[in-house]
Amino acid sequence: RQRLKRAFPRDGGPKPPQLNRQSALLIVAGVGVLWG
């Protein structure tokens, strides 16, 4: 039980990193290049 609590904390645990504007533009550009 202790190991499961540490792996999946009830308070949400660490949050994933947030995408900034530059990363979003890079992703959109990559998708556009693949589409072209």
Full PDB file with SEQRES, HELIX, SHEET, SSBOND, CRYST1, ORIGX, SCALE, CONECT and MASTER records, all heavy atoms in Angstrom:
SEQRES   1 A   36  ARG GLN ARG LEU LYS ARG ALA PHE PRO ARG ASP GLY GLY          
SEQRES   2 A   36  PRO LYS PRO PRO GLN LEU ASN ARG GLN SER ALA LEU LEU          
SEQRES   3 A   36  ILE VAL ALA GLY VAL GLY VAL LEU TRP GLY                      
HELIX    1 AA1 GLN A    2  ALA A    7  1                                   6    
HELIX    2 AA2 ARG A   21  TRP A   35  1                                  15    
CRYST1    1.000    1.000    1.000  90.00  90.00  90.00 P 1           1          
ORIGX1      1.000000  0.000000  0.000000        0.00000                         
ORIGX2      0.000000  1.000000  0.000000        0.00000                         
ORIGX3      0.000000  0.000000  1.000000        0.00000                         
SCALE1      1.000000  0.000000  0.000000        0.00000                         
SCALE2      0.000000  1.000000  0.000000        0.00000                         
SCALE3      0.000000  0.000000  1.000000        0.00000                         
ATOM      1  N   ARG A   1       0.829  -1.206   0.000  1.00  0.00           N  
ATOM      2  CA  ARG A   1       0.000   0.000   0.000  1.00  0.00           C  
ATOM      3  C   ARG A   1       0.857   1.246   0.000  1.00  0.00           C  
ATOM      4  O   ARG A   1       0.555   2.230  -0.680  1.00  0.00           O  
ATOM      5  CB  ARG A   1      -0.924  -0.009   1.218  1.00  0.00           C  
ATOM      6  CG  ARG A   1      -2.015  -1.079   1.156  1.00  0.00           C  
ATOM      7  CD  ARG A   1      -3.059  -0.816   2.240  1.00  0.00           C  
ATOM      8  NE  ARG A   1      -3.986  -1.921   2.341  1.00  0.00           N  
ATOM      9  CZ  ARG A   1      -3.908  -2.866   3.254  1.00  0.00           C  
ATOM     10  NH1 ARG A   1      -2.917  -2.825   4.169  1.00  0.00           N  
ATOM     11  NH2 ARG A   1      -4.788  -3.844   3.294  1.00  0.00           N  
ATOM     12  N   GLN A   2       1.932   1.274   0.748  1.00  0.00           N  
ATOM     13  CA  GLN A   2       2.804   2.439   0.806  1.00  0.00           C  
ATOM     14  C   GLN A   2       3.436   2.713  -0.563  1.00  0.00           C  
ATOM     15  O   GLN A   2       3.565   3.864  -0.981  1.00  0.00           O  
ATOM     16  CB  GLN A   2       3.886   2.223   1.879  1.00  0.00           C  
ATOM     17  CG  GLN A   2       3.329   2.177   3.310  1.00  0.00           C  
ATOM     18  CD  GLN A   2       2.642   3.476   3.707  1.00  0.00           C  
ATOM     19  OE1 GLN A   2       3.040   4.571   3.268  1.00  0.00           O  
ATOM     20  NE2 GLN A   2       1.613   3.363   4.557  1.00  0.00           N  
ATOM     21  N   ARG A   3       3.893   1.647  -1.215  1.00  0.00           N  
ATOM     22  CA  ARG A   3       4.496   1.854  -2.534  1.00  0.00           C  
ATOM     23  C   ARG A   3       3.483   2.398  -3.535  1.00  0.00           C  
ATOM     24  O   ARG A   3       3.791   3.252  -4.359  1.00  0.00           O  
ATOM     25  CB  ARG A   3       5.096   0.534  -3.034  1.00  0.00           C  
ATOM     26  CG  ARG A   3       6.396   0.169  -2.325  1.00  0.00           C  
ATOM     27  CD  ARG A   3       7.108  -0.953  -3.083  1.00  0.00           C  
ATOM     28  NE  ARG A   3       6.388  -2.202  -3.026  1.00  0.00           N  
ATOM     29  CZ  ARG A   3       6.565  -3.127  -2.095  1.00  0.00           C  
ATOM     30  NH1 ARG A   3       7.451  -2.920  -1.107  1.00  0.00           N  
ATOM     31  NH2 ARG A   3       5.875  -4.236  -2.111  1.00  0.00           N  
ATOM     32  N   LEU A   4       2.231   1.897  -3.530  1.00  0.00           N  
ATOM     33  CA  LEU A   4       1.193   2.418  -4.414  1.00  0.00           C  
ATOM     34  C   LEU A   4       0.886   3.878  -4.108  1.00  0.00           C  
ATOM     35  O   LEU A   4       0.641   4.677  -5.029  1.00  0.00           O  
ATOM     36  CB  LEU A   4      -0.079   1.575  -4.297  1.00  0.00           C  
ATOM     37  CG  LEU A   4      -0.001   0.147  -4.866  1.00  0.00           C  
ATOM     38  CD1 LEU A   4      -1.285  -0.624  -4.575  1.00  0.00           C  
ATOM     39  CD2 LEU A   4       0.227   0.199  -6.381  1.00  0.00           C  
ATOM     40  N   LYS A   5       0.858   4.258  -2.878  1.00  0.00           N  
ATOM     41  CA  LYS A   5       0.604   5.650  -2.530  1.00  0.00           C  
ATOM     42  C   LYS A   5       1.696   6.568  -3.042  1.00  0.00           C  
ATOM     43  O   LYS A   5       1.440   7.687  -3.474  1.00  0.00           O  
ATOM     44  CB  LYS A   5       0.459   5.790  -1.022  1.00  0.00           C  
ATOM     45  CG  LYS A   5      -0.825   5.193  -0.469  1.00  0.00           C  
ATOM     46  CD  LYS A   5      -0.886   5.366   1.052  1.00  0.00           C  
ATOM     47  CE  LYS A   5      -2.181   4.758   1.624  1.00  0.00           C  
ATOM     48  NZ  LYS A   5      -2.239   4.917   3.099  1.00  0.00           N  
ATOM     49  N   ARG A   6       2.946   6.074  -2.934  1.00  0.00           N  
ATOM     50  CA  ARG A   6       4.031   6.908  -3.443  1.00  0.00           C  
ATOM     51  C   ARG A   6       3.972   7.036  -4.974  1.00  0.00           C  
ATOM     52  O   ARG A   6       4.330   8.068  -5.536  1.00  0.00           O  
ATOM     53  CB  ARG A   6       5.373   6.315  -3.010  1.00  0.00           C  
ATOM     54  CG  ARG A   6       5.647   6.489  -1.519  1.00  0.00           C  
ATOM     55  CD  ARG A   6       7.110   6.185  -1.222  1.00  0.00           C  
ATOM     56  NE  ARG A   6       7.443   4.792  -1.524  1.00  0.00           N  
ATOM     57  CZ  ARG A   6       7.374   3.810  -0.642  1.00  0.00           C  
ATOM     58  NH1 ARG A   6       6.965   4.070   0.614  1.00  0.00           N  
ATOM     59  NH2 ARG A   6       7.695   2.587  -0.991  1.00  0.00           N  
ATOM     60  N   ALA A   7       3.539   5.936  -5.646  1.00  0.00           N  
ATOM     61  CA  ALA A   7       3.467   5.994  -7.119  1.00  0.00           C  
ATOM     62  C   ALA A   7       2.288   6.828  -7.592  1.00  0.00           C  
ATOM     63  O   ALA A   7       2.372   7.551  -8.599  1.00  0.00           O  
ATOM     64  CB  ALA A   7       3.377   4.572  -7.701  1.00  0.00           C  
ATOM     65  N   PHE A   8       1.165   6.711  -6.939  1.00  0.00           N  
ATOM     66  CA  PHE A   8      -0.055   7.448  -7.322  1.00  0.00           C  
ATOM     67  C   PHE A   8      -0.547   8.219  -6.112  1.00  0.00           C  
ATOM     68  O   PHE A   8      -1.458   7.768  -5.399  1.00  0.00           O  
ATOM     69  CB  PHE A   8      -1.152   6.493  -7.808  1.00  0.00           C  
ATOM     70  CG  PHE A   8      -0.725   5.642  -8.969  1.00  0.00           C  
ATOM     71  CD1 PHE A   8      -0.306   4.326  -8.753  1.00  0.00           C  
ATOM     72  CD2 PHE A   8      -0.717   6.151 -10.246  1.00  0.00           C  
ATOM     73  CE1 PHE A   8       0.091   3.545  -9.802  1.00  0.00           C  
ATOM     74  CE2 PHE A   8      -0.319   5.362 -11.311  1.00  0.00           C  
ATOM     75  CZ  PHE A   8       0.099   4.061 -11.086  1.00  0.00           C  
ATOM     76  N   PRO A   9      -0.004   9.379  -5.898  1.00  0.00           N  
ATOM     77  CA  PRO A   9      -0.436  10.142  -4.719  1.00  0.00           C  
ATOM     78  C   PRO A   9      -1.844  10.671  -4.917  1.00  0.00           C  
ATOM     79  O   PRO A   9      -2.252  10.983  -6.023  1.00  0.00           O  
ATOM     80  CB  PRO A   9       0.591  11.271  -4.635  1.00  0.00           C  
ATOM     81  CG  PRO A   9       1.099  11.418  -6.017  1.00  0.00           C  
ATOM     82  CD  PRO A   9       1.087  10.032  -6.614  1.00  0.00           C  
ATOM     83  N   ARG A  10      -2.565  10.756  -3.838  1.00  0.00           N  
ATOM     84  CA  ARG A  10      -3.955  11.229  -3.897  1.00  0.00           C  
ATOM     85  C   ARG A  10      -4.026  12.725  -4.150  1.00  0.00           C  
ATOM     86  O   ARG A  10      -5.003  13.221  -4.706  1.00  0.00           O  
ATOM     87  CB  ARG A  10      -4.679  10.892  -2.597  1.00  0.00           C  
ATOM     88  CG  ARG A  10      -4.881   9.400  -2.399  1.00  0.00           C  
ATOM     89  CD  ARG A  10      -5.667   9.134  -1.134  1.00  0.00           C  
ATOM     90  NE  ARG A  10      -5.887   7.705  -0.938  1.00  0.00           N  
ATOM     91  CZ  ARG A  10      -6.556   7.199   0.107  1.00  0.00           C  
ATOM     92  NH1 ARG A  10      -7.036   8.015   1.045  1.00  0.00           N  
ATOM     93  NH2 ARG A  10      -6.710   5.892   0.213  1.00  0.00           N  
ATOM     94  N   ASP A  11      -3.043  13.481  -3.804  1.00  0.00           N  
ATOM     95  CA  ASP A  11      -3.086  14.934  -3.989  1.00  0.00           C  
ATOM     96  C   ASP A  11      -2.663  15.348  -5.391  1.00  0.00           C  
ATOM     97  O   ASP A  11      -2.452  16.519  -5.663  1.00  0.00           O  
ATOM     98  CB  ASP A  11      -2.207  15.622  -2.950  1.00  0.00           C  
ATOM     99  CG  ASP A  11      -0.772  15.107  -3.014  1.00  0.00           C  
ATOM    100  OD1 ASP A  11      -0.526  14.141  -3.792  1.00  0.00           O  
ATOM    101  OD2 ASP A  11       0.079  15.656  -2.308  1.00  0.00           O  
ATOM    102  N   GLY A  12      -2.547  14.400  -6.360  1.00  0.00           N  
ATOM    103  CA  GLY A  12      -2.186  14.722  -7.727  1.00  0.00           C  
ATOM    104  C   GLY A  12      -0.725  14.533  -8.015  1.00  0.00           C  
ATOM    105  O   GLY A  12      -0.336  14.357  -9.166  1.00  0.00           O  
ATOM    106  N   GLY A  13       0.108  14.576  -7.110  1.00  0.00           N  
ATOM    107  CA  GLY A  13       1.523  14.341  -7.324  1.00  0.00           C  
ATOM    108  C   GLY A  13       2.125  15.420  -8.207  1.00  0.00           C  
ATOM    109  O   GLY A  13       1.572  16.498  -8.420  1.00  0.00           O  
ATOM    110  N   PRO A  14       3.235  15.106  -8.830  1.00  0.00           N  
ATOM    111  CA  PRO A  14       3.889  16.094  -9.702  1.00  0.00           C  
ATOM    112  C   PRO A  14       3.126  16.301 -10.986  1.00  0.00           C  
ATOM    113  O   PRO A  14       2.688  15.352 -11.626  1.00  0.00           O  
ATOM    114  CB  PRO A  14       5.277  15.469  -9.946  1.00  0.00           C  
ATOM    115  CG  PRO A  14       5.060  14.013  -9.741  1.00  0.00           C  
ATOM    116  CD  PRO A  14       4.043  13.877  -8.669  1.00  0.00           C  
ATOM    117  N   LYS A  15       2.936  17.511 -11.425  1.00  0.00           N  
ATOM    118  CA  LYS A  15       2.185  17.838 -12.633  1.00  0.00           C  
ATOM    119  C   LYS A  15       3.106  17.832 -13.845  1.00  0.00           C  
ATOM    120  O   LYS A  15       4.297  18.127 -13.731  1.00  0.00           O  
ATOM    121  CB  LYS A  15       1.543  19.217 -12.490  1.00  0.00           C  
ATOM    122  CG  LYS A  15       0.522  19.266 -11.369  1.00  0.00           C  
ATOM    123  CD  LYS A  15      -0.125  20.625 -11.304  1.00  0.00           C  
ATOM    124  CE  LYS A  15      -1.161  20.681 -10.181  1.00  0.00           C  
ATOM    125  NZ  LYS A  15      -1.815  22.003 -10.090  1.00  0.00           N  
ATOM    126  N   PRO A  16       2.558  17.436 -15.078  1.00  0.00           N  
ATOM    127  CA  PRO A  16       3.390  17.432 -16.284  1.00  0.00           C  
ATOM    128  C   PRO A  16       3.806  18.847 -16.634  1.00  0.00           C  
ATOM    129  O   PRO A  16       3.116  19.808 -16.311  1.00  0.00           O  
ATOM    130  CB  PRO A  16       2.469  16.846 -17.358  1.00  0.00           C  
ATOM    131  CG  PRO A  16       1.096  17.112 -16.855  1.00  0.00           C  
ATOM    132  CD  PRO A  16       1.178  17.034 -15.357  1.00  0.00           C  
ATOM    133  N   PRO A  17       4.901  18.949 -17.338  1.00  0.00           N  
ATOM    134  CA  PRO A  17       5.377  20.301 -17.688  1.00  0.00           C  
ATOM    135  C   PRO A  17       4.426  20.967 -18.675  1.00  0.00           C  
ATOM    136  O   PRO A  17       3.886  20.329 -19.563  1.00  0.00           O  
ATOM    137  CB  PRO A  17       6.752  20.036 -18.312  1.00  0.00           C  
ATOM    138  CG  PRO A  17       6.682  18.627 -18.793  1.00  0.00           C  
ATOM    139  CD  PRO A  17       5.816  17.895 -17.820  1.00  0.00           C  
ATOM    140  N   GLN A  18       4.220  22.257 -18.558  1.00  0.00           N  
ATOM    141  CA  GLN A  18       3.347  23.033 -19.428  1.00  0.00           C  
ATOM    142  C   GLN A  18       4.092  23.455 -20.697  1.00  0.00           C  
ATOM    143  O   GLN A  18       5.273  23.800 -20.648  1.00  0.00           O  
ATOM    144  CB  GLN A  18       2.840  24.281 -18.688  1.00  0.00           C  
ATOM    145  CG  GLN A  18       2.022  23.963 -17.458  1.00  0.00           C  
ATOM    146  CD  GLN A  18       0.696  23.327 -17.806  1.00  0.00           C  
ATOM    147  OE1 GLN A  18       0.152  23.575 -18.878  1.00  0.00           O  
ATOM    148  NE2 GLN A  18       0.189  22.493 -16.903  1.00  0.00           N  
ATOM    149  N   LEU A  19       3.340  23.332 -21.933  1.00  0.00           N  
ATOM    150  CA  LEU A  19       3.933  23.726 -23.209  1.00  0.00           C  
ATOM    151  C   LEU A  19       3.910  25.245 -23.324  1.00  0.00           C  
ATOM    152  O   LEU A  19       2.866  25.876 -23.132  1.00  0.00           O  
ATOM    153  CB  LEU A  19       3.170  23.120 -24.381  1.00  0.00           C  
ATOM    154  CG  LEU A  19       3.249  21.596 -24.524  1.00  0.00           C  
ATOM    155  CD1 LEU A  19       2.370  21.138 -25.684  1.00  0.00           C  
ATOM    156  CD2 LEU A  19       4.683  21.152 -24.754  1.00  0.00           C  
ATOM    157  N   ASN A  20       5.034  25.782 -23.717  1.00  0.00           N  
ATOM    158  CA  ASN A  20       5.068  27.215 -23.959  1.00  0.00           C  
ATOM    159  C   ASN A  20       4.728  27.514 -25.409  1.00  0.00           C  
ATOM    160  O   ASN A  20       4.497  26.621 -26.219  1.00  0.00           O  
ATOM    161  CB  ASN A  20       6.442  27.785 -23.590  1.00  0.00           C  
ATOM    162  CG  ASN A  20       7.566  27.054 -24.320  1.00  0.00           C  
ATOM    163  OD1 ASN A  20       7.320  26.441 -25.356  1.00  0.00           O  
ATOM    164  ND2 ASN A  20       8.778  27.114 -23.779  1.00  0.00           N  
ATOM    165  N   ARG A  21       4.714  28.772 -25.812  1.00  0.00           N  
ATOM    166  CA  ARG A  21       4.309  29.186 -27.159  1.00  0.00           C  
ATOM    167  C   ARG A  21       5.290  28.696 -28.214  1.00  0.00           C  
ATOM    168  O   ARG A  21       4.893  28.254 -29.288  1.00  0.00           O  
ATOM    169  CB  ARG A  21       4.196  30.710 -27.208  1.00  0.00           C  
ATOM    170  CG  ARG A  21       3.712  31.237 -28.532  1.00  0.00           C  
ATOM    171  CD  ARG A  21       3.534  32.735 -28.457  1.00  0.00           C  
ATOM    172  NE  ARG A  21       3.040  33.262 -29.717  1.00  0.00           N  
ATOM    173  CZ  ARG A  21       2.803  34.569 -29.937  1.00  0.00           C  
ATOM    174  NH1 ARG A  21       3.003  35.458 -28.942  1.00  0.00           N  
ATOM    175  NH2 ARG A  21       2.352  34.963 -31.108  1.00  0.00           N  
ATOM    176  N   GLN A  22       6.552  28.732 -27.907  1.00  0.00           N  
ATOM    177  CA  GLN A  22       7.560  28.310 -28.864  1.00  0.00           C  
ATOM    178  C   GLN A  22       7.424  26.818 -29.186  1.00  0.00           C  
ATOM    179  O   GLN A  22       7.502  26.406 -30.350  1.00  0.00           O  
ATOM    180  CB  GLN A  22       8.947  28.615 -28.320  1.00  0.00           C  
ATOM    181  CG  GLN A  22      10.075  28.276 -29.300  1.00  0.00           C  
ATOM    182  CD  GLN A  22      11.434  28.643 -28.740  1.00  0.00           C  
ATOM    183  OE1 GLN A  22      11.531  29.084 -27.583  1.00  0.00           O  
ATOM    184  NE2 GLN A  22      12.472  28.473 -29.531  1.00  0.00           N  
ATOM    185  N   SER A  23       7.194  26.023 -28.152  1.00  0.00           N  
ATOM    186  CA  SER A  23       7.018  24.582 -28.382  1.00  0.00           C  
ATOM    187  C   SER A  23       5.775  24.312 -29.220  1.00  0.00           C  
ATOM    188  O   SER A  23       5.777  23.452 -30.118  1.00  0.00           O  
ATOM    189  CB  SER A  23       6.933  23.860 -27.034  1.00  0.00           C  
ATOM    190  OG  SER A  23       8.100  24.058 -26.287  1.00  0.00           O  
ATOM    191  N   ALA A  24       4.700  25.033 -28.947  1.00  0.00           N  
ATOM    192  CA  ALA A  24       3.482  24.835 -29.725  1.00  0.00           C  
ATOM    193  C   ALA A  24       3.697  25.179 -31.193  1.00  0.00           C  
ATOM    194  O   ALA A  24       3.239  24.475 -32.097  1.00  0.00           O  
ATOM    195  CB  ALA A  24       2.348  25.671 -29.136  1.00  0.00           C  
ATOM    196  N   LEU A  25       4.447  26.273 -31.452  1.00  0.00           N  
ATOM    197  CA  LEU A  25       4.716  26.644 -32.839  1.00  0.00           C  
ATOM    198  C   LEU A  25       5.562  25.601 -33.548  1.00  0.00           C  
ATOM    199  O   LEU A  25       5.351  25.295 -34.728  1.00  0.00           O  
ATOM    200  CB  LEU A  25       5.406  28.008 -32.890  1.00  0.00           C  
ATOM    201  CG  LEU A  25       4.550  29.212 -32.474  1.00  0.00           C  
ATOM    202  CD1 LEU A  25       5.389  30.489 -32.484  1.00  0.00           C  
ATOM    203  CD2 LEU A  25       3.343  29.361 -33.414  1.00  0.00           C  
ATOM    204  N   LEU A  26       6.531  25.042 -32.823  1.00  0.00           N  
ATOM    205  CA  LEU A  26       7.357  24.001 -33.417  1.00  0.00           C  
ATOM    206  C   LEU A  26       6.529  22.767 -33.775  1.00  0.00           C  
ATOM    207  O   LEU A  26       6.705  22.153 -34.840  1.00  0.00           O  
ATOM    208  CB  LEU A  26       8.497  23.623 -32.464  1.00  0.00           C  
ATOM    209  CG  LEU A  26       9.582  24.674 -32.280  1.00  0.00           C  
ATOM    210  CD1 LEU A  26      10.585  24.215 -31.233  1.00  0.00           C  
ATOM    211  CD2 LEU A  26      10.293  24.961 -33.606  1.00  0.00           C  
ATOM    212  N   ILE A  27       5.614  22.413 -32.899  1.00  0.00           N  
ATOM    213  CA  ILE A  27       4.766  21.240 -33.171  1.00  0.00           C  
ATOM    214  C   ILE A  27       3.869  21.506 -34.386  1.00  0.00           C  
ATOM    215  O   ILE A  27       3.724  20.667 -35.280  1.00  0.00           O  
ATOM    216  CB  ILE A  27       3.941  20.897 -31.919  1.00  0.00           C  
ATOM    217  CG1 ILE A  27       4.872  20.407 -30.803  1.00  0.00           C  
ATOM    218  CG2 ILE A  27       2.892  19.835 -32.251  1.00  0.00           C  
ATOM    219  CD1 ILE A  27       4.153  20.153 -29.498  1.00  0.00           C  
ATOM    220  N   VAL A  28       3.273  22.696 -34.416  1.00  0.00           N  
ATOM    221  CA  VAL A  28       2.401  23.023 -35.551  1.00  0.00           C  
ATOM    222  C   VAL A  28       3.200  23.047 -36.857  1.00  0.00           C  
ATOM    223  O   VAL A  28       2.749  22.563 -37.906  1.00  0.00           O  
ATOM    224  CB  VAL A  28       1.701  24.368 -35.314  1.00  0.00           C  
ATOM    225  CG1 VAL A  28       0.960  24.820 -36.564  1.00  0.00           C  
ATOM    226  CG2 VAL A  28       0.737  24.251 -34.140  1.00  0.00           C  
ATOM    227  N   ALA A  29       4.418  23.588 -36.815  1.00  0.00           N  
ATOM    228  CA  ALA A  29       5.253  23.636 -38.009  1.00  0.00           C  
ATOM    229  C   ALA A  29       5.614  22.228 -38.476  1.00  0.00           C  
ATOM    230  O   ALA A  29       5.613  21.924 -39.676  1.00  0.00           O  
ATOM    231  CB  ALA A  29       6.510  24.446 -37.743  1.00  0.00           C  
ATOM    232  N   GLY A  30       5.924  21.353 -37.525  1.00  0.00           N  
ATOM    233  CA  GLY A  30       6.249  19.977 -37.901  1.00  0.00           C  
ATOM    234  C   GLY A  30       5.073  19.263 -38.545  1.00  0.00           C  
ATOM    235  O   GLY A  30       5.225  18.559 -39.557  1.00  0.00           O  
ATOM    236  N   VAL A  31       3.899  19.464 -37.949  1.00  0.00           N  
ATOM    237  CA  VAL A  31       2.702  18.841 -38.545  1.00  0.00           C  
ATOM    238  C   VAL A  31       2.448  19.399 -39.947  1.00  0.00           C  
ATOM    239  O   VAL A  31       2.087  18.671 -40.884  1.00  0.00           O  
ATOM    240  CB  VAL A  31       1.491  19.053 -37.629  1.00  0.00           C  
ATOM    241  CG1 VAL A  31       0.208  18.588 -38.315  1.00  0.00           C  
ATOM    242  CG2 VAL A  31       1.679  18.311 -36.320  1.00  0.00           C  
ATOM    243  N   GLY A  32       2.658  20.724 -40.133  1.00  0.00           N  
ATOM    244  CA  GLY A  32       2.455  21.321 -41.447  1.00  0.00           C  
ATOM    245  C   GLY A  32       3.425  20.779 -42.485  1.00  0.00           C  
ATOM    246  O   GLY A  32       3.063  20.539 -43.639  1.00  0.00           O  
ATOM    247  N   VAL A  33       4.685  20.590 -42.048  1.00  0.00           N  
ATOM    248  CA  VAL A  33       5.668  20.039 -42.982  1.00  0.00           C  
ATOM    249  C   VAL A  33       5.295  18.617 -43.385  1.00  0.00           C  
ATOM    250  O   VAL A  33       5.362  18.243 -44.570  1.00  0.00           O  
ATOM    251  CB  VAL A  33       7.074  20.092 -42.351  1.00  0.00           C  
ATOM    252  CG1 VAL A  33       8.078  19.305 -43.202  1.00  0.00           C  
ATOM    253  CG2 VAL A  33       7.544  21.536 -42.206  1.00  0.00           C  
ATOM    254  N   LEU A  34       4.905  17.810 -42.415  1.00  0.00           N  
ATOM    255  CA  LEU A  34       4.479  16.443 -42.738  1.00  0.00           C  
ATOM    256  C   LEU A  34       3.255  16.441 -43.654  1.00  0.00           C  
ATOM    257  O   LEU A  34       3.150  15.626 -44.588  1.00  0.00           O  
ATOM    258  CB  LEU A  34       4.184  15.677 -41.446  1.00  0.00           C  
ATOM    259  CG  LEU A  34       5.373  15.399 -40.530  1.00  0.00           C  
ATOM    260  CD1 LEU A  34       4.920  14.707 -39.255  1.00  0.00           C  
ATOM    261  CD2 LEU A  34       6.427  14.556 -41.263  1.00  0.00           C  
ATOM    262  N   TRP A  35       2.322  17.366 -43.397  1.00  0.00           N  
ATOM    263  CA  TRP A  35       1.123  17.452 -44.263  1.00  0.00           C  
ATOM    264  C   TRP A  35       1.500  17.862 -45.686  1.00  0.00           C  
ATOM    265  O   TRP A  35       0.977  17.349 -46.666  1.00  0.00           O  
ATOM    266  CB  TRP A  35       0.146  18.446 -43.648  1.00  0.00           C  
ATOM    267  CG  TRP A  35      -1.134  18.582 -44.418  1.00  0.00           C  
ATOM    268  CD1 TRP A  35      -2.111  17.667 -44.572  1.00  0.00           C  
ATOM    269  CD2 TRP A  35      -1.570  19.745 -45.130  1.00  0.00           C  
ATOM    270  NE1 TRP A  35      -3.129  18.161 -45.336  1.00  0.00           N  
ATOM    271  CE2 TRP A  35      -2.833  19.448 -45.698  1.00  0.00           C  
ATOM    272  CE3 TRP A  35      -1.027  21.017 -45.334  1.00  0.00           C  
ATOM    273  CZ2 TRP A  35      -3.540  20.370 -46.454  1.00  0.00           C  
ATOM    274  CZ3 TRP A  35      -1.738  21.934 -46.073  1.00  0.00           C  
ATOM    275  CH2 TRP A  35      -2.964  21.609 -46.629  1.00  0.00           C  
ATOM    276  N   GLY A  36       2.446  18.801 -45.820  1.00  0.00           N  
ATOM    277  CA  GLY A  36       2.882  19.213 -47.153  1.00  0.00           C  
ATOM    278  C   GLY A  36       3.636  18.111 -47.875  1.00  0.00           C  
ATOM    279  O   GLY A  36       3.487  17.914 -49.082  1.00  0.00           O  
TER     280      GLY A  36                                                      
MASTER        0    0    0    2    0    0    0    6  279    1    0    3          
END                                                                             
